[in-house]
Amino acid sequence: MTKFVSKGLLAPVLSLAVLVFAFTGCATTPQGEVGTIVQVTVQDAEGDPIPTAVIRHPEEADRHRVNTVTGVWEEEVLYLPDGTELIFEPGLLLYLEISAPRYVSQTIQYEVKNRRNRVVVTMEELEIEEAVIDAPMMSFGRDRAIDSAGGGGPSN
């Protein structure tokens, strides 16, 4: 280091290092190793994360769980059943299905940008009516109806 300082080469070496770092995309772009990272946050109407939410692409068999604490899922590539990779690149129109128990499922469409690919999905809670279910009536061939008037024995 002292050789560079004494010869006045420190500034050109540092500027070259900054240029290399900037052009490789390490300094400014949120690129992963494969594609551009897309982050989806799933929340309820109050803004609280939904820890049971899952996300999947319509052509994909796998469901991806969100982080149970933050409600966030992020990825840069999906692996489809036919063996192909769906790499998230700028300009890609991405379709995702989001579902969670007790919430209305949603399908979103998102165009991947160069950076800041953050999508917030607010899910509506299902309106479930509580129903009282009586014990089911199942009859078998050997069962006979009980005579309410009398003895309840077999009739001749």
N, C-alpha and C. Protein backbone atom coordinates (compact mmCIF):
# COMPACT_ATOMS: atom_id res chain seq x y z
N MET A 1 0.82 -1.18 0.00
CA MET A 1 0.00 0.00 0.00
C MET A 1 0.86 1.25 0.00
N THR A 2 1.95 1.23 0.73
CA THR A 2 2.82 2.40 0.76
C THR A 2 3.48 2.65 -0.57
N LYS A 3 3.68 1.59 -1.39
CA LYS A 3 4.26 1.78 -2.72
C LYS A 3 3.31 2.59 -3.60
N PHE A 4 1.98 2.29 -3.48
CA PHE A 4 1.00 3.00 -4.28
C PHE A 4 0.90 4.46 -3.84
N VAL A 5 0.93 4.71 -2.54
CA VAL A 5 0.81 6.07 -2.02
C VAL A 5 2.03 6.90 -2.40
N SER A 6 3.22 6.31 -2.29
CA SER A 6 4.44 7.06 -2.57
C SER A 6 4.57 7.38 -4.05
N LYS A 7 4.03 6.54 -4.91
CA LYS A 7 4.14 6.81 -6.35
C LYS A 7 2.92 7.54 -6.90
N GLY A 8 1.91 7.81 -6.02
CA GLY A 8 0.73 8.54 -6.47
C GLY A 8 -0.23 7.68 -7.28
N LEU A 9 -0.20 6.38 -7.08
CA LEU A 9 -1.05 5.47 -7.84
C LEU A 9 -2.31 5.05 -7.08
N LEU A 10 -2.49 5.51 -5.87
CA LEU A 10 -3.62 5.07 -5.07
C LEU A 10 -4.95 5.50 -5.70
N ALA A 11 -5.06 6.72 -6.14
CA ALA A 11 -6.32 7.21 -6.72
C ALA A 11 -6.70 6.45 -7.98
N PRO A 12 -5.79 6.24 -8.95
CA PRO A 12 -6.18 5.47 -10.14
C PRO A 12 -6.56 4.04 -9.82
N VAL A 13 -5.89 3.40 -8.87
CA VAL A 13 -6.21 2.01 -8.52
C VAL A 13 -7.58 1.95 -7.87
N LEU A 14 -7.88 2.88 -6.97
CA LEU A 14 -9.19 2.89 -6.32
C LEU A 14 -10.30 3.20 -7.32
N SER A 15 -10.09 4.13 -8.23
CA SER A 15 -11.12 4.45 -9.20
C SER A 15 -11.37 3.27 -10.14
N LEU A 16 -10.32 2.54 -10.49
CA LEU A 16 -10.49 1.35 -11.33
C LEU A 16 -11.29 0.29 -10.57
N ALA A 17 -11.01 0.12 -9.29
CA ALA A 17 -11.75 -0.85 -8.48
C ALA A 17 -13.22 -0.48 -8.37
N VAL A 18 -13.51 0.80 -8.21
CA VAL A 18 -14.89 1.26 -8.13
C VAL A 18 -15.61 1.02 -9.46
N LEU A 19 -14.96 1.29 -10.58
CA LEU A 19 -15.56 1.06 -11.89
C LEU A 19 -15.86 -0.41 -12.12
N VAL A 20 -14.93 -1.28 -11.78
CA VAL A 20 -15.15 -2.72 -11.96
C VAL A 20 -16.31 -3.17 -11.09
N PHE A 21 -16.36 -2.69 -9.85
CA PHE A 21 -17.42 -3.05 -8.93
C PHE A 21 -18.78 -2.57 -9.44
N ALA A 22 -18.83 -1.37 -9.99
CA ALA A 22 -20.08 -0.80 -10.48
C ALA A 22 -20.56 -1.51 -11.74
N PHE A 23 -19.67 -1.83 -12.66
CA PHE A 23 -20.07 -2.46 -13.92
C PHE A 23 -20.44 -3.93 -13.77
N THR A 24 -19.97 -4.58 -12.73
CA THR A 24 -20.36 -5.97 -12.53
C THR A 24 -21.73 -6.08 -11.90
N GLY A 25 -22.30 -4.99 -11.49
CA GLY A 25 -23.64 -5.00 -10.94
C GLY A 25 -23.68 -5.25 -9.45
N CYS A 26 -22.54 -5.41 -8.81
CA CYS A 26 -22.51 -5.71 -7.38
C CYS A 26 -22.86 -4.49 -6.55
N ALA A 27 -22.65 -3.32 -7.06
CA ALA A 27 -22.83 -2.13 -6.24
C ALA A 27 -24.26 -1.59 -6.30
N THR A 28 -24.95 -1.73 -7.44
CA THR A 28 -26.20 -1.01 -7.56
C THR A 28 -27.42 -1.87 -7.84
N THR A 29 -27.29 -3.03 -8.40
CA THR A 29 -28.47 -3.79 -8.78
C THR A 29 -28.72 -4.94 -7.82
N PRO A 30 -30.00 -5.19 -7.50
CA PRO A 30 -30.33 -6.28 -6.60
C PRO A 30 -30.45 -7.60 -7.36
N GLN A 31 -29.50 -7.88 -8.20
CA GLN A 31 -29.51 -9.10 -8.99
C GLN A 31 -29.01 -10.26 -8.16
N GLY A 32 -29.63 -11.41 -8.34
CA GLY A 32 -29.14 -12.62 -7.71
C GLY A 32 -28.12 -13.26 -8.63
N GLU A 33 -27.79 -14.49 -8.36
CA GLU A 33 -26.84 -15.19 -9.20
C GLU A 33 -27.46 -15.57 -10.53
N VAL A 34 -28.78 -15.79 -10.55
CA VAL A 34 -29.44 -16.27 -11.76
C VAL A 34 -30.27 -15.18 -12.42
N GLY A 35 -31.11 -14.51 -11.66
CA GLY A 35 -32.01 -13.50 -12.23
C GLY A 35 -32.21 -12.34 -11.27
N THR A 36 -33.25 -11.57 -11.53
CA THR A 36 -33.59 -10.43 -10.70
C THR A 36 -34.51 -10.90 -9.57
N ILE A 37 -34.21 -10.51 -8.37
CA ILE A 37 -34.98 -10.94 -7.21
C ILE A 37 -36.32 -10.22 -7.17
N VAL A 38 -37.40 -11.00 -7.00
CA VAL A 38 -38.75 -10.47 -6.83
C VAL A 38 -39.18 -10.83 -5.42
N GLN A 39 -39.69 -9.83 -4.69
CA GLN A 39 -40.11 -10.01 -3.31
C GLN A 39 -41.61 -9.75 -3.20
N VAL A 40 -42.34 -10.73 -2.65
CA VAL A 40 -43.78 -10.60 -2.47
C VAL A 40 -44.07 -10.65 -0.98
N THR A 41 -44.80 -9.65 -0.48
CA THR A 41 -45.22 -9.60 0.91
C THR A 41 -46.72 -9.83 0.95
N VAL A 42 -47.15 -10.83 1.74
CA VAL A 42 -48.57 -11.16 1.85
C VAL A 42 -49.04 -10.71 3.23
N GLN A 43 -50.10 -9.88 3.23
CA GLN A 43 -50.61 -9.31 4.48
C GLN A 43 -52.12 -9.29 4.48
N ASP A 44 -52.70 -9.11 5.68
CA ASP A 44 -54.14 -8.99 5.79
C ASP A 44 -54.55 -7.52 5.70
N ALA A 45 -55.83 -7.23 5.91
CA ALA A 45 -56.34 -5.87 5.76
C ALA A 45 -55.73 -4.89 6.76
N GLU A 46 -55.29 -5.39 7.92
CA GLU A 46 -54.68 -4.52 8.93
C GLU A 46 -53.19 -4.33 8.69
N GLY A 47 -52.61 -5.01 7.70
CA GLY A 47 -51.19 -4.88 7.41
C GLY A 47 -50.33 -5.90 8.13
N ASP A 48 -50.95 -6.85 8.82
CA ASP A 48 -50.20 -7.90 9.51
C ASP A 48 -49.86 -9.01 8.53
N PRO A 49 -48.66 -9.61 8.65
CA PRO A 49 -48.29 -10.69 7.74
C PRO A 49 -49.19 -11.92 7.94
N ILE A 50 -49.41 -12.65 6.86
CA ILE A 50 -50.18 -13.89 6.92
C ILE A 50 -49.17 -15.04 6.88
N PRO A 51 -48.90 -15.67 8.00
CA PRO A 51 -47.83 -16.67 8.06
C PRO A 51 -48.14 -17.97 7.33
N THR A 52 -49.40 -18.23 7.01
CA THR A 52 -49.77 -19.49 6.37
C THR A 52 -49.91 -19.38 4.86
N ALA A 53 -49.57 -18.24 4.30
CA ALA A 53 -49.74 -18.02 2.86
C ALA A 53 -48.73 -18.83 2.04
N VAL A 54 -49.18 -19.24 0.87
CA VAL A 54 -48.32 -19.93 -0.08
C VAL A 54 -48.44 -19.26 -1.44
N ILE A 55 -47.37 -19.34 -2.21
CA ILE A 55 -47.30 -18.70 -3.53
C ILE A 55 -46.87 -19.75 -4.53
N ARG A 56 -47.49 -19.72 -5.70
CA ARG A 56 -47.07 -20.64 -6.76
C ARG A 56 -47.35 -20.01 -8.13
N HIS A 57 -46.57 -20.46 -9.11
CA HIS A 57 -46.79 -20.06 -10.50
C HIS A 57 -47.83 -21.02 -11.07
N PRO A 58 -48.75 -20.57 -11.95
CA PRO A 58 -49.79 -21.45 -12.48
C PRO A 58 -49.26 -22.70 -13.19
N GLU A 59 -48.07 -22.65 -13.76
CA GLU A 59 -47.52 -23.80 -14.46
C GLU A 59 -46.66 -24.68 -13.56
N GLU A 60 -46.57 -24.32 -12.29
CA GLU A 60 -45.67 -25.00 -11.37
C GLU A 60 -46.47 -25.90 -10.43
N ALA A 61 -45.87 -27.01 -10.03
CA ALA A 61 -46.53 -27.93 -9.12
C ALA A 61 -46.25 -27.58 -7.66
N ASP A 62 -45.11 -27.00 -7.38
CA ASP A 62 -44.71 -26.70 -6.00
C ASP A 62 -45.36 -25.42 -5.49
N ARG A 63 -45.65 -25.44 -4.19
CA ARG A 63 -46.12 -24.24 -3.50
C ARG A 63 -44.98 -23.74 -2.63
N HIS A 64 -44.78 -22.43 -2.60
CA HIS A 64 -43.69 -21.82 -1.84
C HIS A 64 -44.29 -21.08 -0.65
N ARG A 65 -43.86 -21.43 0.54
CA ARG A 65 -44.37 -20.79 1.75
C ARG A 65 -43.68 -19.45 1.96
N VAL A 66 -44.42 -18.51 2.52
CA VAL A 66 -43.84 -17.23 2.90
C VAL A 66 -43.13 -17.39 4.23
N ASN A 67 -42.29 -16.44 4.57
CA ASN A 67 -41.65 -16.42 5.88
C ASN A 67 -42.75 -16.23 6.92
N THR A 68 -42.77 -17.09 7.94
CA THR A 68 -43.88 -17.06 8.90
C THR A 68 -43.86 -15.82 9.80
N VAL A 69 -42.74 -15.15 9.91
CA VAL A 69 -42.67 -13.96 10.75
C VAL A 69 -42.99 -12.70 9.95
N THR A 70 -42.42 -12.59 8.77
CA THR A 70 -42.56 -11.37 7.98
C THR A 70 -43.61 -11.45 6.87
N GLY A 71 -44.03 -12.65 6.48
CA GLY A 71 -44.98 -12.80 5.38
C GLY A 71 -44.36 -12.56 4.02
N VAL A 72 -43.02 -12.64 3.92
CA VAL A 72 -42.31 -12.31 2.68
C VAL A 72 -41.82 -13.59 2.00
N TRP A 73 -41.94 -13.61 0.68
CA TRP A 73 -41.36 -14.65 -0.17
C TRP A 73 -40.54 -13.94 -1.22
N GLU A 74 -39.32 -14.41 -1.47
CA GLU A 74 -38.52 -13.81 -2.53
C GLU A 74 -37.79 -14.91 -3.28
N GLU A 75 -37.68 -14.68 -4.58
CA GLU A 75 -37.04 -15.66 -5.45
C GLU A 75 -36.56 -14.95 -6.70
N GLU A 76 -35.69 -15.62 -7.44
CA GLU A 76 -35.17 -15.07 -8.70
C GLU A 76 -35.37 -16.03 -9.86
N VAL A 77 -35.77 -17.26 -9.56
CA VAL A 77 -36.01 -18.26 -10.60
C VAL A 77 -36.98 -19.31 -10.05
N LEU A 78 -37.82 -19.86 -10.95
CA LEU A 78 -38.70 -20.96 -10.60
C LEU A 78 -38.40 -22.13 -11.53
N TYR A 79 -38.53 -23.32 -11.00
CA TYR A 79 -38.25 -24.52 -11.78
C TYR A 79 -39.57 -25.19 -12.12
N LEU A 80 -39.91 -25.22 -13.42
CA LEU A 80 -41.18 -25.74 -13.87
C LEU A 80 -41.11 -27.27 -14.01
N PRO A 81 -42.27 -27.95 -14.00
CA PRO A 81 -42.28 -29.42 -14.03
C PRO A 81 -41.64 -30.03 -15.28
N ASP A 82 -41.63 -29.30 -16.40
CA ASP A 82 -41.03 -29.85 -17.62
C ASP A 82 -39.51 -29.73 -17.63
N GLY A 83 -38.94 -29.22 -16.53
CA GLY A 83 -37.49 -29.11 -16.42
C GLY A 83 -36.91 -27.77 -16.81
N THR A 84 -37.75 -26.87 -17.30
CA THR A 84 -37.25 -25.55 -17.68
C THR A 84 -37.19 -24.63 -16.48
N GLU A 85 -36.41 -23.59 -16.61
CA GLU A 85 -36.28 -22.58 -15.57
C GLU A 85 -36.99 -21.31 -16.02
N LEU A 86 -37.76 -20.73 -15.14
CA LEU A 86 -38.38 -19.44 -15.39
C LEU A 86 -37.56 -18.42 -14.63
N ILE A 87 -36.63 -17.79 -15.34
CA ILE A 87 -35.71 -16.83 -14.73
C ILE A 87 -36.37 -15.46 -14.74
N PHE A 88 -36.41 -14.80 -13.58
CA PHE A 88 -37.01 -13.49 -13.47
C PHE A 88 -36.05 -12.46 -14.04
N GLU A 89 -36.38 -11.94 -15.21
CA GLU A 89 -35.57 -10.93 -15.88
C GLU A 89 -36.44 -9.71 -16.13
N PRO A 90 -35.85 -8.52 -16.20
CA PRO A 90 -36.63 -7.32 -16.48
C PRO A 90 -37.46 -7.48 -17.74
N GLY A 91 -38.74 -7.10 -17.65
CA GLY A 91 -39.65 -7.20 -18.79
C GLY A 91 -40.52 -8.45 -18.75
N LEU A 92 -40.18 -9.43 -17.91
CA LEU A 92 -40.95 -10.66 -17.81
C LEU A 92 -42.28 -10.37 -17.14
N LEU A 93 -43.39 -10.84 -17.72
CA LEU A 93 -44.70 -10.71 -17.12
C LEU A 93 -44.93 -11.96 -16.27
N LEU A 94 -44.95 -11.78 -14.98
CA LEU A 94 -44.98 -12.88 -14.02
C LEU A 94 -46.38 -13.02 -13.44
N TYR A 95 -46.91 -14.24 -13.47
CA TYR A 95 -48.20 -14.54 -12.88
C TYR A 95 -47.97 -15.38 -11.63
N LEU A 96 -48.60 -15.02 -10.53
CA LEU A 96 -48.46 -15.76 -9.28
C LEU A 96 -49.83 -15.93 -8.63
N GLU A 97 -50.06 -17.12 -8.08
CA GLU A 97 -51.28 -17.40 -7.33
C GLU A 97 -50.93 -17.39 -5.85
N ILE A 98 -51.67 -16.61 -5.07
CA ILE A 98 -51.43 -16.50 -3.64
C ILE A 98 -52.67 -17.03 -2.92
N SER A 99 -52.45 -17.93 -1.96
CA SER A 99 -53.57 -18.47 -1.19
C SER A 99 -53.15 -18.69 0.25
N ALA A 100 -54.15 -18.70 1.12
CA ALA A 100 -53.94 -18.96 2.55
C ALA A 100 -55.27 -19.42 3.12
N PRO A 101 -55.23 -20.29 4.13
CA PRO A 101 -56.47 -20.71 4.77
C PRO A 101 -57.21 -19.51 5.36
N ARG A 102 -58.54 -19.49 5.20
CA ARG A 102 -59.42 -18.43 5.70
C ARG A 102 -59.34 -17.14 4.89
N TYR A 103 -58.65 -17.12 3.74
CA TYR A 103 -58.54 -15.91 2.93
C TYR A 103 -58.93 -16.22 1.49
N VAL A 104 -59.42 -15.20 0.79
CA VAL A 104 -59.78 -15.33 -0.62
C VAL A 104 -58.49 -15.41 -1.43
N SER A 105 -58.36 -16.46 -2.25
CA SER A 105 -57.17 -16.62 -3.09
C SER A 105 -57.11 -15.54 -4.15
N GLN A 106 -55.90 -15.18 -4.55
CA GLN A 106 -55.71 -14.13 -5.56
C GLN A 106 -54.69 -14.59 -6.60
N THR A 107 -54.85 -14.10 -7.80
CA THR A 107 -53.86 -14.27 -8.85
C THR A 107 -53.39 -12.87 -9.23
N ILE A 108 -52.07 -12.67 -9.17
CA ILE A 108 -51.54 -11.36 -9.52
C ILE A 108 -50.69 -11.46 -10.77
N GLN A 109 -50.55 -10.35 -11.44
CA GLN A 109 -49.72 -10.22 -12.62
C GLN A 109 -48.74 -9.08 -12.33
N TYR A 110 -47.46 -9.35 -12.56
CA TYR A 110 -46.44 -8.35 -12.23
C TYR A 110 -45.36 -8.37 -13.30
N GLU A 111 -44.99 -7.18 -13.77
CA GLU A 111 -43.90 -7.07 -14.74
C GLU A 111 -42.60 -6.79 -13.99
N VAL A 112 -41.63 -7.67 -14.16
CA VAL A 112 -40.35 -7.55 -13.46
C VAL A 112 -39.60 -6.33 -13.99
N LYS A 113 -39.10 -5.52 -13.04
CA LYS A 113 -38.34 -4.32 -13.38
C LYS A 113 -36.85 -4.58 -13.13
N ASN A 114 -36.03 -3.60 -13.45
CA ASN A 114 -34.59 -3.73 -13.23
C ASN A 114 -34.25 -3.82 -11.75
N ARG A 115 -34.99 -3.11 -10.91
CA ARG A 115 -34.70 -3.12 -9.48
C ARG A 115 -35.97 -2.78 -8.71
N ARG A 116 -35.90 -2.93 -7.39
CA ARG A 116 -37.01 -2.66 -6.49
C ARG A 116 -38.28 -3.42 -6.88
N ASN A 117 -38.16 -4.72 -7.01
CA ASN A 117 -39.29 -5.57 -7.35
C ASN A 117 -39.95 -6.06 -6.07
N ARG A 118 -40.70 -5.16 -5.45
CA ARG A 118 -41.39 -5.48 -4.20
C ARG A 118 -42.89 -5.35 -4.43
N VAL A 119 -43.59 -6.44 -4.19
CA VAL A 119 -45.03 -6.48 -4.40
C VAL A 119 -45.69 -6.75 -3.06
N VAL A 120 -46.70 -5.95 -2.71
CA VAL A 120 -47.46 -6.17 -1.49
C VAL A 120 -48.85 -6.65 -1.90
N VAL A 121 -49.24 -7.83 -1.37
CA VAL A 121 -50.55 -8.39 -1.67
C VAL A 121 -51.37 -8.37 -0.38
N THR A 122 -52.50 -7.68 -0.42
CA THR A 122 -53.40 -7.62 0.73
C THR A 122 -54.56 -8.56 0.46
N MET A 123 -54.73 -9.53 1.35
CA MET A 123 -55.76 -10.56 1.16
C MET A 123 -56.97 -10.27 2.04
N GLU A 124 -58.15 -10.59 1.49
CA GLU A 124 -59.41 -10.42 2.22
C GLU A 124 -59.77 -11.71 2.92
N GLU A 125 -60.27 -11.57 4.14
CA GLU A 125 -60.66 -12.75 4.91
C GLU A 125 -62.00 -13.27 4.39
N LEU A 126 -62.14 -14.59 4.34
CA LEU A 126 -63.39 -15.21 3.92
C LEU A 126 -64.46 -14.98 4.99
N GLU A 127 -65.68 -14.80 4.54
CA GLU A 127 -66.79 -14.68 5.47
C GLU A 127 -67.40 -16.06 5.61
N ILE A 128 -67.08 -16.71 6.73
CA ILE A 128 -67.54 -18.07 6.96
C ILE A 128 -68.64 -18.03 8.01
N GLU A 129 -69.77 -18.60 7.65
CA GLU A 129 -70.87 -18.67 8.60
C GLU A 129 -70.73 -19.95 9.40
N GLU A 130 -70.85 -19.81 10.71
CA GLU A 130 -70.79 -20.97 11.58
C GLU A 130 -72.10 -21.74 11.42
N ALA A 131 -72.01 -23.00 11.11
CA ALA A 131 -73.20 -23.82 10.95
C ALA A 131 -73.17 -24.93 12.00
N VAL A 132 -74.35 -25.18 12.57
CA VAL A 132 -74.47 -26.27 13.53
C VAL A 132 -74.82 -27.52 12.73
N ILE A 133 -73.97 -28.51 12.85
CA ILE A 133 -74.19 -29.74 12.10
C ILE A 133 -74.64 -30.82 13.06
N ASP A 134 -75.84 -31.36 12.81
CA ASP A 134 -76.34 -32.47 13.61
C ASP A 134 -75.58 -33.73 13.23
N ALA A 135 -75.69 -34.72 14.08
CA ALA A 135 -75.05 -36.00 13.78
C ALA A 135 -75.65 -36.54 12.48
N PRO A 136 -74.83 -36.98 11.58
CA PRO A 136 -75.35 -37.45 10.30
C PRO A 136 -76.19 -38.72 10.47
N MET A 137 -77.23 -38.83 9.68
CA MET A 137 -78.11 -39.98 9.71
C MET A 137 -77.63 -40.95 8.65
N MET A 138 -77.16 -42.07 9.08
CA MET A 138 -76.70 -43.08 8.13
C MET A 138 -77.50 -44.34 8.37
N SER A 139 -78.07 -44.85 7.34
CA SER A 139 -78.86 -46.08 7.51
C SER A 139 -78.12 -47.23 6.86
N PHE A 140 -78.27 -48.36 7.47
CA PHE A 140 -77.68 -49.58 6.94
C PHE A 140 -78.82 -50.53 6.61
N GLY A 141 -78.59 -51.48 5.77
CA GLY A 141 -79.63 -52.42 5.33
C GLY A 141 -80.21 -53.22 6.47
N ARG A 142 -79.48 -53.49 7.52
CA ARG A 142 -79.99 -54.29 8.62
C ARG A 142 -80.73 -53.46 9.66
N ASP A 143 -80.68 -52.14 9.57
CA ASP A 143 -81.35 -51.28 10.53
C ASP A 143 -82.83 -51.19 10.21
N ARG A 144 -83.61 -51.09 11.30
CA ARG A 144 -85.06 -50.92 11.13
C ARG A 144 -85.47 -49.69 11.91
N ALA A 145 -86.44 -49.03 11.43
CA ALA A 145 -86.94 -47.84 12.11
C ALA A 145 -87.57 -48.23 13.43
N ILE A 146 -87.40 -47.41 14.46
CA ILE A 146 -87.98 -47.65 15.78
C ILE A 146 -89.41 -47.13 15.77
N ASP A 147 -90.29 -47.95 16.22
CA ASP A 147 -91.70 -47.55 16.30
C ASP A 147 -91.85 -46.62 17.48
N SER A 148 -92.24 -45.40 17.25
CA SER A 148 -92.33 -44.43 18.32
C SER A 148 -93.54 -44.67 19.21
N ALA A 149 -94.48 -45.48 18.77
CA ALA A 149 -95.70 -45.69 19.54
C ALA A 149 -95.51 -46.80 20.58
N GLY A 150 -94.63 -47.68 20.34
CA GLY A 150 -94.64 -48.81 21.27
C GLY A 150 -93.28 -49.41 21.49
N GLY A 151 -93.27 -50.70 21.53
CA GLY A 151 -92.17 -51.49 22.00
C GLY A 151 -90.90 -51.39 21.21
N GLY A 152 -90.89 -51.02 20.00
CA GLY A 152 -89.67 -50.87 19.22
C GLY A 152 -89.09 -52.17 18.76
N GLY A 153 -89.79 -53.26 18.94
CA GLY A 153 -89.29 -54.54 18.48
C GLY A 153 -89.59 -54.76 17.03
N PRO A 154 -89.13 -55.91 16.49
CA PRO A 154 -89.40 -56.20 15.08
C PRO A 154 -90.89 -56.43 14.84
N SER A 155 -91.36 -55.95 13.76
CA SER A 155 -92.77 -56.12 13.42
C SER A 155 -92.95 -57.39 12.63
N ASN A 156 -94.06 -58.06 12.90
CA ASN A 156 -94.33 -59.33 12.20
C ASN A 156 -95.31 -59.13 11.12
